[in-house]
Amino acid sequence: MKTITFDSEKANAVEKAVSEVFGCRVSEIVSLRDTLVKKVVVYILFKTENCCSRVLAANYQISYLYVPTVIAELEYMKKVVPGFESKIESVLKKIL
């Protein structure tokens, strides 16, 4: 079952870990633009915290209908892009 609560402390930890691994600023994650690092944060929170799509969408300024597309896109990138899966694993090691 998906949770409708949003743990901002956990989200901040994920944002910090993603910014360290991917070499970006946190402002790129929380900005209105659609960036890869924002998609990575949404993907990790969706997979690890079992958050509802609407909650993630509201907190990261994207459409809730777009969240399943982001998840599918990053699942595909993990399979196809060399080194992408290892970066995701590095982020997961930092937060867990």
C-alpha atoms as a PDB file:
ATOM      1  CA  MET A   1       0.000   0.000   0.000  1.00  0.00           C
ATOM      2  CA  LYS A   2       1.286   3.438  -0.895  1.00  0.00           C
ATOM      3  CA  THR A   3       1.786   5.988   1.847  1.00  0.00           C
ATOM      4  CA  ILE A   4       0.453   9.515   1.592  1.00  0.00           C
ATOM      5  CA  THR A   5       2.860  10.889   4.180  1.00  0.00           C
ATOM      6  CA  PHE A   6       5.999  12.655   3.041  1.00  0.00           C
ATOM      7  CA  ASP A   7       9.105  12.432   5.207  1.00  0.00           C
ATOM      8  CA  SER A   8      10.952  15.654   4.442  1.00  0.00           C
ATOM      9  CA  GLU A   9      14.028  14.591   6.445  1.00  0.00           C
ATOM     10  CA  LYS A  10      14.365  11.433   4.342  1.00  0.00           C
ATOM     11  CA  ALA A  11      13.775  13.461   1.178  1.00  0.00           C
ATOM     12  CA  ASN A  12      16.487  15.945   2.167  1.00  0.00           C
ATOM     13  CA  ALA A  13      18.900  13.059   2.783  1.00  0.00           C
ATOM     14  CA  VAL A  14      18.116  11.617  -0.642  1.00  0.00           C
ATOM     15  CA  GLU A  15      18.517  15.024  -2.296  1.00  0.00           C
ATOM     16  CA  LYS A  16      21.904  15.516  -0.604  1.00  0.00           C
ATOM     17  CA  ALA A  17      23.121  12.035  -1.588  1.00  0.00           C
ATOM     18  CA  VAL A  18      21.988  12.486  -5.195  1.00  0.00           C
ATOM     19  CA  SER A  19      23.684  15.880  -5.425  1.00  0.00           C
ATOM     20  CA  GLU A  20      26.949  14.374  -4.137  1.00  0.00           C
ATOM     21  CA  VAL A  21      26.907  11.333  -6.437  1.00  0.00           C
ATOM     22  CA  PHE A  22      25.686  13.133  -9.566  1.00  0.00           C
ATOM     23  CA  GLY A  23      27.724  16.297  -8.956  1.00  0.00           C
ATOM     24  CA  CYS A  24      24.922  18.843  -8.954  1.00  0.00           C
ATOM     25  CA  ARG A  25      23.353  21.394  -6.621  1.00  0.00           C
ATOM     26  CA  VAL A  26      20.231  20.699  -4.574  1.00  0.00           C
ATOM     27  CA  SER A  27      18.622  23.713  -6.263  1.00  0.00           C
ATOM     28  CA  GLU A  28      18.599  21.736  -9.530  1.00  0.00           C
ATOM     29  CA  ILE A  29      16.530  19.050  -7.803  1.00  0.00           C
ATOM     30  CA  VAL A  30      13.899  21.315  -6.286  1.00  0.00           C
ATOM     31  CA  SER A  31      13.685  23.720  -9.237  1.00  0.00           C
ATOM     32  CA  LEU A  32      10.730  23.898 -11.599  1.00  0.00           C
ATOM     33  CA  ARG A  33      12.776  22.489 -14.478  1.00  0.00           C
ATOM     34  CA  ASP A  34      12.587  18.841 -15.418  1.00  0.00           C
ATOM     35  CA  THR A  35      16.080  17.508 -14.707  1.00  0.00           C
ATOM     36  CA  LEU A  36      17.580  14.037 -14.551  1.00  0.00           C
ATOM     37  CA  VAL A  37      18.554  14.467 -10.909  1.00  0.00           C
ATOM     38  CA  LYS A  38      14.972  15.392  -9.970  1.00  0.00           C
ATOM     39  CA  LYS A  39      13.825  12.209 -11.703  1.00  0.00           C
ATOM     40  CA  VAL A  40      16.410  10.201  -9.765  1.00  0.00           C
ATOM     41  CA  VAL A  41      15.173  11.604  -6.439  1.00  0.00           C
ATOM     42  CA  VAL A  42      11.555  10.856  -7.340  1.00  0.00           C
ATOM     43  CA  TYR A  43      12.550   7.344  -8.446  1.00  0.00           C
ATOM     44  CA  ILE A  44      14.462   6.577  -5.246  1.00  0.00           C
ATOM     45  CA  LEU A  45      11.722   7.938  -2.988  1.00  0.00           C
ATOM     46  CA  PHE A  46       9.103   5.995  -4.936  1.00  0.00           C
ATOM     47  CA  LYS A  47      11.055   2.747  -4.652  1.00  0.00           C
ATOM     48  CA  THR A  48      12.412   3.015  -1.098  1.00  0.00           C
ATOM     49  CA  GLU A  49       9.686   4.938   0.740  1.00  0.00           C
ATOM     50  CA  ASN A  50       6.712   3.585  -1.235  1.00  0.00           C
ATOM     51  CA  CYS A  51       5.331   7.120  -1.608  1.00  0.00           C
ATOM     52  CA  CYS A  52       2.148   7.887  -3.496  1.00  0.00           C
ATOM     53  CA  SER A  53       2.624   9.474  -6.934  1.00  0.00           C
ATOM     54  CA  ARG A  54       0.476  12.469  -6.003  1.00  0.00           C
ATOM     55  CA  VAL A  55       2.568  13.227  -2.912  1.00  0.00           C
ATOM     56  CA  LEU A  56       5.845  13.053  -4.832  1.00  0.00           C
ATOM     57  CA  ALA A  57       4.422  15.148  -7.647  1.00  0.00           C
ATOM     58  CA  ALA A  58       3.222  17.840  -5.271  1.00  0.00           C
ATOM     59  CA  ASN A  59       6.564  18.062  -3.495  1.00  0.00           C
ATOM     60  CA  TYR A  60       8.683  18.108  -6.661  1.00  0.00           C
ATOM     61  CA  GLN A  61       6.465  20.296  -8.881  1.00  0.00           C
ATOM     62  CA  ILE A  62       5.624  17.698 -11.521  1.00  0.00           C
ATOM     63  CA  SER A  63       2.363  16.208 -12.698  1.00  0.00           C
ATOM     64  CA  TYR A  64       1.299  13.099 -10.796  1.00  0.00           C
ATOM     65  CA  LEU A  65       0.514  11.506 -14.151  1.00  0.00           C
ATOM     66  CA  TYR A  66       4.186  11.931 -15.098  1.00  0.00           C
ATOM     67  CA  VAL A  67       5.563   9.976 -12.109  1.00  0.00           C
ATOM     68  CA  PRO A  68       4.949   6.479 -13.616  1.00  0.00           C
ATOM     69  CA  THR A  69       6.712   7.649 -16.783  1.00  0.00           C
ATOM     70  CA  VAL A  70       9.703   8.787 -14.715  1.00  0.00           C
ATOM     71  CA  ILE A  71       9.848   5.410 -12.969  1.00  0.00           C
ATOM     72  CA  ALA A  72       9.692   3.514 -16.265  1.00  0.00           C
ATOM     73  CA  GLU A  73      12.284   5.814 -17.851  1.00  0.00           C
ATOM     74  CA  LEU A  74      14.791   5.318 -15.044  1.00  0.00           C
ATOM     75  CA  GLU A  75      14.213   1.548 -14.964  1.00  0.00           C
ATOM     76  CA  TYR A  76      15.085   1.546 -18.668  1.00  0.00           C
ATOM     77  CA  MET A  77      18.136   3.759 -18.102  1.00  0.00           C
ATOM     78  CA  LYS A  78      19.401   1.379 -15.401  1.00  0.00           C
ATOM     79  CA  LYS A  79      19.402  -1.412 -17.973  1.00  0.00           C
ATOM     80  CA  VAL A  80      20.820   0.516 -20.919  1.00  0.00           C
ATOM     81  CA  VAL A  81      23.112   3.332 -19.745  1.00  0.00           C
ATOM     82  CA  PRO A  82      26.528   2.100 -18.576  1.00  0.00           C
ATOM     83  CA  GLY A  83      27.355   3.204 -15.043  1.00  0.00           C
ATOM     84  CA  PHE A  84      23.901   4.553 -14.256  1.00  0.00           C
ATOM     85  CA  GLU A  85      22.918   1.611 -12.080  1.00  0.00           C
ATOM     86  CA  SER A  86      26.123   1.939 -10.073  1.00  0.00           C
ATOM     87  CA  LYS A  87      25.319   5.608  -9.395  1.00  0.00           C
ATOM     88  CA  ILE A  88      21.845   4.664  -8.174  1.00  0.00           C
ATOM     89  CA  GLU A  89      23.406   1.993  -5.944  1.00  0.00           C
ATOM     90  CA  SER A  90      25.884   4.574  -4.574  1.00  0.00           C
ATOM     91  CA  VAL A  91      22.999   6.867  -3.642  1.00  0.00           C
ATOM     92  CA  LEU A  92      21.159   4.004  -1.964  1.00  0.00           C
ATOM     93  CA  LYS A  93      24.262   3.086   0.062  1.00  0.00           C
ATOM     94  CA  LYS A  94      24.553   6.686   1.278  1.00  0.00           C
ATOM     95  CA  ILE A  95      20.964   6.902   2.468  1.00  0.00           C
ATOM     96  CA  LEU A  96      20.525   3.401   3.901  1.00  0.00           C
END
